[in-house]
Amino acid sequence: MTTAGRPTNPDPEDAKIPGLEPGGGVAPGDTPPIAATTSQSANRDPIPKGNRFTASGVTGIVIAVVGAIAFLVIAVFLVMYLVGKY
C-alpha cells in the first residue's frame, strides 16, 4: 500500500491506456479497459496447499460427535423410563 492508504496499481502501463483519466477512472460514455496487463492473479490470499484438517478442527468434530451420541443415548433412556420399559 502507498503512504496515502490507497493500494498501488498493478498495471505498470497505466498512462498508455486510452480514455483513462488521472486516478484510474474513465470518462462518462467511455469504455473501460478490459483487463490489466499483469499476468498474476489478483487474489492476494490464496488457499494454502497442504493438510486441510487441523488438529483443533478434528478435535472439535470428535467432541461434537461424542456429545451428539451422548445426547441420543440419554434421550432414549429417558423415553424408555417415561414409558416404563426401564
N, C-alpha and C. Protein backbone atom coordinates (compact mmCIF):
# COMPACT_ATOMS: atom_id res chain seq x y z
N MET A 1 0.84 -1.17 0.00
CA MET A 1 0.00 0.00 0.00
C MET A 1 0.89 1.24 0.00
N THR A 2 0.36 2.28 -0.55
CA THR A 2 1.11 3.52 -0.57
C THR A 2 0.92 4.24 0.75
N THR A 3 1.64 5.34 0.92
CA THR A 3 1.54 6.08 2.17
C THR A 3 0.20 6.77 2.29
N ALA A 4 -0.51 7.00 1.18
CA ALA A 4 -1.80 7.66 1.24
C ALA A 4 -2.91 6.70 1.68
N GLY A 5 -2.58 5.40 1.80
CA GLY A 5 -3.57 4.44 2.24
C GLY A 5 -4.29 3.76 1.10
N ARG A 6 -3.98 4.14 -0.13
CA ARG A 6 -4.60 3.51 -1.28
C ARG A 6 -3.66 2.46 -1.85
N PRO A 7 -4.19 1.34 -2.33
CA PRO A 7 -3.32 0.31 -2.89
C PRO A 7 -2.68 0.78 -4.19
N THR A 8 -1.50 0.26 -4.46
CA THR A 8 -0.82 0.62 -5.70
C THR A 8 -1.46 -0.11 -6.86
N ASN A 9 -1.40 0.49 -8.03
CA ASN A 9 -1.99 -0.09 -9.23
C ASN A 9 -1.06 -1.17 -9.77
N PRO A 10 -1.53 -2.40 -10.00
CA PRO A 10 -0.66 -3.45 -10.52
C PRO A 10 -0.35 -3.30 -12.00
N ASP A 11 -1.03 -2.38 -12.69
CA ASP A 11 -0.83 -2.21 -14.12
C ASP A 11 0.26 -1.17 -14.36
N PRO A 12 1.46 -1.57 -14.82
CA PRO A 12 2.55 -0.62 -14.97
C PRO A 12 2.38 0.33 -16.16
N GLU A 13 1.52 0.01 -17.12
CA GLU A 13 1.35 0.86 -18.30
C GLU A 13 0.05 1.63 -18.23
N ASP A 14 -0.23 2.19 -17.09
CA ASP A 14 -1.46 2.91 -16.86
C ASP A 14 -1.61 4.13 -17.78
N ALA A 15 -0.52 4.80 -18.05
CA ALA A 15 -0.57 6.02 -18.84
C ALA A 15 -0.85 5.75 -20.31
N LYS A 16 -0.65 4.53 -20.79
CA LYS A 16 -0.83 4.22 -22.20
C LYS A 16 -2.24 3.75 -22.54
N ILE A 17 -3.11 3.62 -21.57
CA ILE A 17 -4.48 3.16 -21.83
C ILE A 17 -5.29 4.37 -22.29
N PRO A 18 -5.88 4.33 -23.51
CA PRO A 18 -6.66 5.47 -23.98
C PRO A 18 -7.95 5.63 -23.19
N GLY A 19 -8.32 6.87 -22.91
CA GLY A 19 -9.55 7.16 -22.21
C GLY A 19 -9.48 7.07 -20.70
N LEU A 20 -8.32 6.73 -20.17
CA LEU A 20 -8.19 6.60 -18.73
C LEU A 20 -7.82 7.95 -18.13
N GLU A 21 -8.61 8.39 -17.18
CA GLU A 21 -8.37 9.67 -16.54
C GLU A 21 -7.38 9.50 -15.39
N PRO A 22 -6.78 10.59 -14.93
CA PRO A 22 -5.90 10.50 -13.77
C PRO A 22 -6.67 9.95 -12.56
N GLY A 23 -6.09 9.03 -11.87
CA GLY A 23 -6.74 8.40 -10.74
C GLY A 23 -7.36 7.06 -11.08
N GLY A 24 -7.36 6.69 -12.36
CA GLY A 24 -7.82 5.37 -12.75
C GLY A 24 -9.25 5.30 -13.24
N GLY A 25 -9.99 6.40 -13.27
CA GLY A 25 -11.37 6.36 -13.73
C GLY A 25 -11.47 6.52 -15.24
N VAL A 26 -12.65 6.36 -15.77
CA VAL A 26 -12.89 6.58 -17.20
C VAL A 26 -13.93 7.67 -17.35
N ALA A 27 -13.88 8.34 -18.49
CA ALA A 27 -14.83 9.42 -18.76
C ALA A 27 -16.22 8.84 -18.98
N PRO A 28 -17.28 9.60 -18.67
CA PRO A 28 -18.64 9.10 -18.90
C PRO A 28 -18.84 8.76 -20.38
N GLY A 29 -19.40 7.60 -20.65
CA GLY A 29 -19.63 7.16 -22.01
C GLY A 29 -18.45 6.43 -22.63
N ASP A 30 -17.33 6.43 -21.95
CA ASP A 30 -16.14 5.75 -22.47
C ASP A 30 -16.13 4.31 -21.98
N THR A 31 -15.54 3.43 -22.76
CA THR A 31 -15.46 2.02 -22.39
C THR A 31 -14.22 1.79 -21.56
N PRO A 32 -14.36 1.21 -20.36
CA PRO A 32 -13.17 0.96 -19.53
C PRO A 32 -12.32 -0.15 -20.14
N PRO A 33 -11.05 -0.21 -19.77
CA PRO A 33 -10.18 -1.28 -20.28
C PRO A 33 -10.69 -2.65 -19.83
N ILE A 34 -10.49 -3.65 -20.68
CA ILE A 34 -10.99 -5.00 -20.40
C ILE A 34 -10.23 -5.64 -19.25
N ALA A 35 -8.90 -5.59 -19.28
CA ALA A 35 -8.11 -6.24 -18.24
C ALA A 35 -6.78 -5.53 -18.08
N ALA A 36 -6.16 -5.75 -16.95
CA ALA A 36 -4.84 -5.19 -16.71
C ALA A 36 -3.81 -5.98 -17.52
N THR A 37 -2.62 -5.42 -17.65
CA THR A 37 -1.59 -6.10 -18.42
C THR A 37 -0.77 -7.06 -17.56
N THR A 38 -1.15 -7.20 -16.30
CA THR A 38 -0.42 -8.13 -15.43
C THR A 38 -0.94 -9.54 -15.64
N SER A 39 -0.09 -10.52 -15.41
CA SER A 39 -0.50 -11.91 -15.60
C SER A 39 -0.70 -12.64 -14.27
N GLN A 40 -0.41 -12.00 -13.17
CA GLN A 40 -0.55 -12.62 -11.86
C GLN A 40 -1.98 -12.50 -11.37
N SER A 41 -2.42 -13.45 -10.58
CA SER A 41 -3.76 -13.44 -10.02
C SER A 41 -3.92 -12.25 -9.08
N ALA A 42 -5.12 -11.69 -9.05
CA ALA A 42 -5.40 -10.58 -8.14
C ALA A 42 -5.68 -11.07 -6.72
N ASN A 43 -5.82 -12.37 -6.53
CA ASN A 43 -6.08 -12.93 -5.20
C ASN A 43 -4.80 -12.87 -4.38
N ARG A 44 -4.79 -12.01 -3.37
CA ARG A 44 -3.59 -11.86 -2.55
C ARG A 44 -3.55 -12.86 -1.40
N ASP A 45 -4.63 -13.60 -1.17
CA ASP A 45 -4.68 -14.55 -0.07
C ASP A 45 -5.18 -15.90 -0.58
N PRO A 46 -4.38 -16.61 -1.37
CA PRO A 46 -4.85 -17.89 -1.90
C PRO A 46 -4.94 -18.95 -0.81
N ILE A 47 -5.71 -19.99 -1.08
CA ILE A 47 -5.85 -21.09 -0.14
C ILE A 47 -4.53 -21.86 -0.08
N PRO A 48 -3.96 -22.02 1.10
CA PRO A 48 -2.68 -22.73 1.19
C PRO A 48 -2.84 -24.21 0.84
N LYS A 49 -1.84 -24.74 0.19
CA LYS A 49 -1.85 -26.16 -0.14
C LYS A 49 -1.35 -26.94 1.06
N GLY A 50 -1.81 -28.15 1.18
CA GLY A 50 -1.37 -28.99 2.29
C GLY A 50 -2.55 -29.62 2.99
N ASN A 51 -2.34 -29.94 4.25
CA ASN A 51 -3.35 -30.63 5.04
C ASN A 51 -4.50 -29.67 5.37
N ARG A 52 -5.71 -30.05 4.99
CA ARG A 52 -6.87 -29.19 5.24
C ARG A 52 -7.47 -29.43 6.61
N PHE A 53 -7.11 -30.53 7.27
CA PHE A 53 -7.67 -30.85 8.57
C PHE A 53 -6.63 -30.57 9.64
N THR A 54 -6.93 -29.59 10.49
CA THR A 54 -6.02 -29.27 11.59
C THR A 54 -6.39 -30.11 12.81
N ALA A 55 -5.48 -30.17 13.75
CA ALA A 55 -5.72 -30.95 14.97
C ALA A 55 -6.89 -30.39 15.76
N SER A 56 -6.99 -29.08 15.84
CA SER A 56 -8.10 -28.49 16.60
C SER A 56 -9.43 -28.70 15.88
N GLY A 57 -9.42 -28.71 14.56
CA GLY A 57 -10.65 -28.97 13.83
C GLY A 57 -11.15 -30.39 14.02
N VAL A 58 -10.23 -31.35 13.95
CA VAL A 58 -10.60 -32.76 14.16
C VAL A 58 -11.07 -32.97 15.60
N THR A 59 -10.39 -32.34 16.56
CA THR A 59 -10.79 -32.46 17.97
C THR A 59 -12.20 -31.90 18.17
N GLY A 60 -12.49 -30.78 17.56
CA GLY A 60 -13.82 -30.19 17.68
C GLY A 60 -14.90 -31.08 17.10
N ILE A 61 -14.62 -31.70 15.95
CA ILE A 61 -15.59 -32.60 15.34
C ILE A 61 -15.81 -33.83 16.21
N VAL A 62 -14.73 -34.38 16.77
CA VAL A 62 -14.85 -35.56 17.64
C VAL A 62 -15.68 -35.22 18.88
N ILE A 63 -15.44 -34.07 19.48
CA ILE A 63 -16.20 -33.67 20.66
C ILE A 63 -17.67 -33.49 20.31
N ALA A 64 -17.96 -32.91 19.16
CA ALA A 64 -19.35 -32.72 18.75
C ALA A 64 -20.05 -34.05 18.51
N VAL A 65 -19.36 -35.00 17.89
CA VAL A 65 -19.96 -36.31 17.62
C VAL A 65 -20.20 -37.06 18.93
N VAL A 66 -19.24 -37.04 19.84
CA VAL A 66 -19.41 -37.71 21.14
C VAL A 66 -20.56 -37.07 21.90
N GLY A 67 -20.67 -35.77 21.87
CA GLY A 67 -21.78 -35.09 22.54
C GLY A 67 -23.13 -35.45 21.94
N ALA A 68 -23.19 -35.56 20.61
CA ALA A 68 -24.44 -35.94 19.96
C ALA A 68 -24.84 -37.36 20.32
N ILE A 69 -23.87 -38.27 20.35
CA ILE A 69 -24.16 -39.66 20.73
C ILE A 69 -24.63 -39.73 22.18
N ALA A 70 -23.98 -39.00 23.07
CA ALA A 70 -24.40 -38.99 24.48
C ALA A 70 -25.81 -38.44 24.62
N PHE A 71 -26.13 -37.39 23.86
CA PHE A 71 -27.47 -36.82 23.89
C PHE A 71 -28.51 -37.84 23.45
N LEU A 72 -28.22 -38.56 22.37
CA LEU A 72 -29.16 -39.56 21.87
C LEU A 72 -29.35 -40.71 22.86
N VAL A 73 -28.26 -41.17 23.47
CA VAL A 73 -28.36 -42.26 24.45
C VAL A 73 -29.20 -41.82 25.65
N ILE A 74 -28.96 -40.63 26.15
CA ILE A 74 -29.74 -40.12 27.29
C ILE A 74 -31.21 -39.96 26.89
N ALA A 75 -31.47 -39.48 25.68
CA ALA A 75 -32.85 -39.30 25.23
C ALA A 75 -33.57 -40.65 25.13
N VAL A 76 -32.89 -41.67 24.62
CA VAL A 76 -33.51 -43.00 24.51
C VAL A 76 -33.82 -43.54 25.90
N PHE A 77 -32.89 -43.45 26.83
CA PHE A 77 -33.14 -43.94 28.19
C PHE A 77 -34.25 -43.15 28.88
N LEU A 78 -34.33 -41.86 28.62
CA LEU A 78 -35.39 -41.05 29.22
C LEU A 78 -36.76 -41.46 28.67
N VAL A 79 -36.84 -41.69 27.38
CA VAL A 79 -38.11 -42.13 26.79
C VAL A 79 -38.47 -43.51 27.33
N MET A 80 -37.50 -44.41 27.43
CA MET A 80 -37.77 -45.74 27.98
C MET A 80 -38.23 -45.65 29.44
N TYR A 81 -37.67 -44.74 30.21
CA TYR A 81 -38.06 -44.56 31.61
C TYR A 81 -39.49 -44.03 31.70
N LEU A 82 -39.83 -43.06 30.83
CA LEU A 82 -41.17 -42.49 30.86
C LEU A 82 -42.22 -43.49 30.41
N VAL A 83 -41.87 -44.36 29.49
CA VAL A 83 -42.82 -45.36 29.01
C VAL A 83 -42.94 -46.50 30.01
N GLY A 84 -41.93 -46.72 30.82
CA GLY A 84 -41.96 -47.76 31.83
C GLY A 84 -41.24 -49.02 31.42
N LYS A 85 -40.42 -48.96 30.41
CA LYS A 85 -39.69 -50.13 29.95
C LYS A 85 -38.33 -50.24 30.61
N TYR A 86 -37.98 -49.32 31.47
CA TYR A 86 -36.66 -49.34 32.09
C TYR A 86 -36.80 -49.29 33.57
